[in-house]
N, C-alpha and C. Protein backbone atom coordinates (compact mmCIF):
# COMPACT_ATOMS: atom_id res chain seq x y z
N MET A 1 74.08 74.70 85.59
CA MET A 1 74.22 75.97 84.90
C MET A 1 74.78 77.01 85.87
N ALA A 2 75.76 77.74 85.42
CA ALA A 2 76.40 78.74 86.27
C ALA A 2 75.50 79.98 86.40
N ARG A 3 75.57 80.57 87.55
CA ARG A 3 74.78 81.75 87.84
C ARG A 3 75.57 83.01 87.48
N THR A 4 74.87 84.06 87.08
CA THR A 4 75.50 85.34 86.79
C THR A 4 75.05 86.34 87.84
N LEU A 5 76.04 86.99 88.48
CA LEU A 5 75.75 88.03 89.46
C LEU A 5 76.03 89.39 88.86
N ARG A 6 75.19 90.36 89.18
CA ARG A 6 75.44 91.75 88.85
C ARG A 6 75.70 92.47 90.16
N VAL A 7 76.87 93.09 90.28
CA VAL A 7 77.27 93.68 91.55
C VAL A 7 77.74 95.12 91.36
N VAL A 8 77.75 95.85 92.49
CA VAL A 8 78.32 97.20 92.57
C VAL A 8 79.25 97.21 93.77
N PRO A 9 80.21 98.13 93.81
CA PRO A 9 81.10 98.19 94.98
C PRO A 9 80.31 98.48 96.26
N ALA A 10 80.69 97.85 97.35
CA ALA A 10 80.00 98.03 98.63
C ALA A 10 80.68 99.12 99.46
N TYR A 11 79.96 99.59 100.45
CA TYR A 11 80.46 100.53 101.46
C TYR A 11 80.95 101.86 100.86
N GLY A 12 80.32 102.30 99.79
CA GLY A 12 80.64 103.59 99.20
C GLY A 12 81.87 103.63 98.31
N ARG A 13 82.49 102.47 98.08
CA ARG A 13 83.65 102.45 97.19
C ARG A 13 83.21 102.68 95.75
N ASP A 14 84.13 103.20 94.94
CA ASP A 14 83.89 103.33 93.51
C ASP A 14 85.23 103.16 92.81
N TYR A 15 85.20 102.80 91.56
CA TYR A 15 86.41 102.56 90.79
C TYR A 15 86.34 103.35 89.50
N LYS A 16 87.47 103.94 89.12
CA LYS A 16 87.56 104.63 87.83
C LYS A 16 87.90 103.64 86.72
N GLY A 17 88.57 102.55 87.08
CA GLY A 17 88.95 101.54 86.10
C GLY A 17 88.65 100.13 86.59
N LEU A 18 88.53 99.23 85.66
CA LEU A 18 88.18 97.85 85.98
C LEU A 18 89.33 97.09 86.65
N ASP A 19 90.57 97.48 86.37
CA ASP A 19 91.71 96.77 86.95
C ASP A 19 91.73 96.86 88.48
N ALA A 20 91.42 98.03 89.02
CA ALA A 20 91.38 98.20 90.48
C ALA A 20 90.26 97.36 91.09
N ALA A 21 89.13 97.29 90.41
CA ALA A 21 88.02 96.49 90.90
C ALA A 21 88.37 95.00 90.89
N LYS A 22 89.04 94.55 89.83
CA LYS A 22 89.44 93.14 89.76
C LYS A 22 90.43 92.80 90.87
N ALA A 23 91.32 93.74 91.19
CA ALA A 23 92.29 93.51 92.27
C ALA A 23 91.56 93.38 93.61
N ASP A 24 90.56 94.23 93.87
CA ASP A 24 89.80 94.14 95.11
C ASP A 24 88.96 92.87 95.16
N TRP A 25 88.41 92.43 94.03
CA TRP A 25 87.65 91.18 93.99
C TRP A 25 88.58 90.01 94.34
N ALA A 26 89.79 90.02 93.78
CA ALA A 26 90.76 88.96 94.06
C ALA A 26 91.20 88.97 95.53
N GLU A 27 91.24 90.15 96.15
CA GLU A 27 91.61 90.26 97.57
C GLU A 27 90.47 89.84 98.49
N GLY A 28 89.27 89.69 97.96
CA GLY A 28 88.14 89.26 98.78
C GLY A 28 87.32 90.38 99.37
N LYS A 29 87.42 91.59 98.82
CA LYS A 29 86.60 92.70 99.32
C LYS A 29 85.14 92.49 98.94
N ASP A 30 84.25 93.09 99.72
CA ASP A 30 82.82 92.91 99.51
C ASP A 30 82.28 93.78 98.38
N PHE A 31 81.31 93.21 97.67
CA PHE A 31 80.54 93.91 96.66
C PHE A 31 79.07 93.63 96.96
N GLU A 32 78.19 94.46 96.47
CA GLU A 32 76.76 94.33 96.76
C GLU A 32 76.02 93.84 95.53
N ILE A 33 75.20 92.80 95.70
CA ILE A 33 74.42 92.27 94.59
C ILE A 33 73.33 93.27 94.22
N ARG A 34 73.26 93.59 92.94
CA ARG A 34 72.24 94.51 92.44
C ARG A 34 71.54 93.88 91.26
N ASN A 35 70.46 93.19 91.55
CA ASN A 35 69.64 92.58 90.52
C ASN A 35 68.22 92.57 91.06
N LEU A 36 67.38 93.38 90.49
CA LEU A 36 66.05 93.63 91.01
C LEU A 36 65.24 92.36 91.28
N PHE A 37 65.36 91.36 90.42
CA PHE A 37 64.54 90.15 90.57
C PHE A 37 65.26 89.01 91.27
N ASP A 38 66.43 89.27 91.80
CA ASP A 38 67.19 88.25 92.52
C ASP A 38 66.82 88.31 94.00
N PRO A 39 66.53 87.18 94.62
CA PRO A 39 66.19 87.20 96.05
C PRO A 39 67.34 87.68 96.94
N ASP A 40 68.57 87.65 96.41
CA ASP A 40 69.74 88.10 97.16
C ASP A 40 70.08 89.57 96.91
N ASP A 41 69.20 90.31 96.24
CA ASP A 41 69.45 91.72 95.94
C ASP A 41 69.76 92.49 97.22
N GLY A 42 70.89 93.21 97.21
CA GLY A 42 71.30 93.99 98.37
C GLY A 42 72.26 93.27 99.30
N ARG A 43 72.42 91.97 99.14
CA ARG A 43 73.31 91.20 100.00
C ARG A 43 74.77 91.44 99.58
N LYS A 44 75.66 91.42 100.54
CA LYS A 44 77.08 91.57 100.28
C LYS A 44 77.66 90.21 99.86
N VAL A 45 78.59 90.26 98.91
CA VAL A 45 79.20 89.04 98.39
C VAL A 45 80.66 89.33 98.06
N ASN A 46 81.49 88.30 98.16
CA ASN A 46 82.89 88.43 97.73
C ASN A 46 83.29 87.15 97.00
N LYS A 47 84.54 87.08 96.58
CA LYS A 47 84.99 85.94 95.77
C LYS A 47 84.85 84.62 96.51
N ALA A 48 85.06 84.62 97.82
CA ALA A 48 84.94 83.38 98.60
C ALA A 48 83.50 82.87 98.60
N ASP A 49 82.53 83.79 98.54
CA ASP A 49 81.12 83.40 98.53
C ASP A 49 80.68 82.87 97.17
N PHE A 50 81.36 83.30 96.13
CA PHE A 50 80.94 83.00 94.76
C PHE A 50 82.15 82.62 93.91
N PRO A 51 82.72 81.41 94.14
CA PRO A 51 83.96 81.04 93.44
C PRO A 51 83.76 80.70 91.96
N GLN A 52 82.54 80.33 91.55
CA GLN A 52 82.29 79.96 90.16
C GLN A 52 81.14 80.80 89.62
N GLY A 53 81.14 80.98 88.32
CA GLY A 53 80.09 81.75 87.67
C GLY A 53 80.60 83.10 87.23
N GLU A 54 79.76 83.81 86.53
CA GLU A 54 80.14 85.11 85.98
C GLU A 54 79.71 86.23 86.92
N VAL A 55 80.59 87.22 87.09
CA VAL A 55 80.30 88.37 87.94
C VAL A 55 80.47 89.63 87.10
N LEU A 56 79.38 90.36 86.93
CA LEU A 56 79.39 91.61 86.18
C LEU A 56 79.37 92.77 87.16
N LEU A 57 80.19 93.78 86.91
CA LEU A 57 80.32 94.91 87.82
C LEU A 57 79.91 96.21 87.14
N ARG A 58 79.14 97.03 87.85
CA ARG A 58 78.88 98.41 87.44
C ARG A 58 79.84 99.27 88.25
N TYR A 59 80.57 100.18 87.58
CA TYR A 59 81.56 101.01 88.28
C TYR A 59 81.60 102.39 87.64
N ASP A 60 82.48 103.27 88.14
CA ASP A 60 82.61 104.66 87.69
C ASP A 60 81.24 105.36 87.77
N MET A 61 80.74 105.41 89.02
CA MET A 61 79.43 106.02 89.31
C MET A 61 78.30 105.33 88.52
N LEU A 62 78.44 104.01 88.36
CA LEU A 62 77.47 103.13 87.70
C LEU A 62 77.31 103.43 86.21
N ARG A 63 78.29 104.11 85.61
CA ARG A 63 78.20 104.44 84.19
C ARG A 63 78.85 103.41 83.29
N LYS A 64 79.72 102.56 83.85
CA LYS A 64 80.42 101.56 83.05
C LYS A 64 80.16 100.18 83.60
N GLN A 65 80.35 99.18 82.75
CA GLN A 65 80.15 97.80 83.17
C GLN A 65 81.31 96.96 82.67
N GLY A 66 81.73 96.00 83.48
CA GLY A 66 82.81 95.10 83.10
C GLY A 66 82.65 93.75 83.78
N VAL A 67 83.45 92.81 83.36
CA VAL A 67 83.40 91.45 83.91
C VAL A 67 84.50 91.31 84.95
N LEU A 68 84.10 91.04 86.20
CA LEU A 68 85.07 90.79 87.27
C LEU A 68 85.59 89.37 87.21
N GLN A 69 84.70 88.45 86.93
CA GLN A 69 85.05 87.03 86.92
C GLN A 69 84.28 86.36 85.80
N ALA A 70 84.99 85.71 84.92
CA ALA A 70 84.36 85.01 83.81
C ALA A 70 83.81 83.68 84.29
N SER A 71 82.83 83.20 83.60
CA SER A 71 82.23 81.92 83.95
C SER A 71 83.23 80.80 83.74
N SER A 72 83.31 79.90 84.69
CA SER A 72 84.24 78.77 84.58
C SER A 72 83.59 77.59 83.85
N GLU A 73 82.31 77.74 83.55
CA GLU A 73 81.59 76.67 82.86
C GLU A 73 81.93 76.72 81.37
N VAL A 74 82.40 75.61 80.84
CA VAL A 74 82.73 75.55 79.42
C VAL A 74 81.49 75.13 78.66
N LYS A 75 81.12 75.92 77.68
CA LYS A 75 79.94 75.60 76.88
C LYS A 75 80.36 74.75 75.69
N LYS A 76 79.79 73.56 75.61
CA LYS A 76 80.13 72.65 74.53
C LYS A 76 79.18 72.91 73.35
N PRO A 77 79.68 72.86 72.13
CA PRO A 77 78.80 73.07 70.98
C PRO A 77 77.83 71.91 70.81
N VAL A 78 76.68 72.23 70.32
CA VAL A 78 75.67 71.21 70.05
C VAL A 78 75.93 70.68 68.66
N LEU A 79 76.20 69.38 68.56
CA LEU A 79 76.55 68.78 67.28
C LEU A 79 75.48 67.83 66.77
N SER A 80 74.29 67.88 67.30
CA SER A 80 73.26 66.93 66.90
C SER A 80 72.84 67.12 65.44
N ASN A 81 72.91 68.33 64.92
CA ASN A 81 72.51 68.59 63.54
C ASN A 81 73.72 68.76 62.63
N TRP A 82 74.88 68.43 63.10
CA TRP A 82 76.10 68.63 62.34
C TRP A 82 76.24 67.55 61.28
N ASN A 83 76.48 67.97 60.06
CA ASN A 83 76.65 67.03 58.95
C ASN A 83 77.94 67.40 58.25
N PRO A 84 78.95 66.51 58.23
CA PRO A 84 80.24 66.85 57.63
C PRO A 84 80.13 67.22 56.16
N ALA A 85 79.22 66.60 55.44
CA ALA A 85 79.07 66.91 54.01
C ALA A 85 78.58 68.34 53.80
N ILE A 86 77.67 68.79 54.64
CA ILE A 86 77.14 70.15 54.54
C ILE A 86 78.19 71.15 54.98
N GLN A 87 78.97 70.82 55.99
CA GLN A 87 79.97 71.73 56.54
C GLN A 87 81.22 71.83 55.66
N GLY A 88 81.31 71.05 54.61
CA GLY A 88 82.45 71.10 53.70
C GLY A 88 83.66 70.34 54.22
N VAL A 89 83.46 69.47 55.17
CA VAL A 89 84.58 68.70 55.72
C VAL A 89 84.92 67.53 54.79
N LEU A 90 83.92 66.94 54.15
CA LEU A 90 84.16 65.79 53.26
C LEU A 90 84.17 66.22 51.82
């Protein structure tokens, strides 16, 4: 299962828009993990440290939230209860 990180810009940086933040994430700039119940809370992280999984960013003075990196894990539908007759396929 892929992990989800919640991060904020590190070293006093801030972004007015998500595009600039995505560009810095792609360049490998550091962001700070902000998740109260995560043992890594406060640790610096960048794309090289976390190549897979979802990364959520708080930006614009922590008033907005966006996705820096989408999860690479593909979720497959559960078909154990699927019945073609009920679904109108037959």
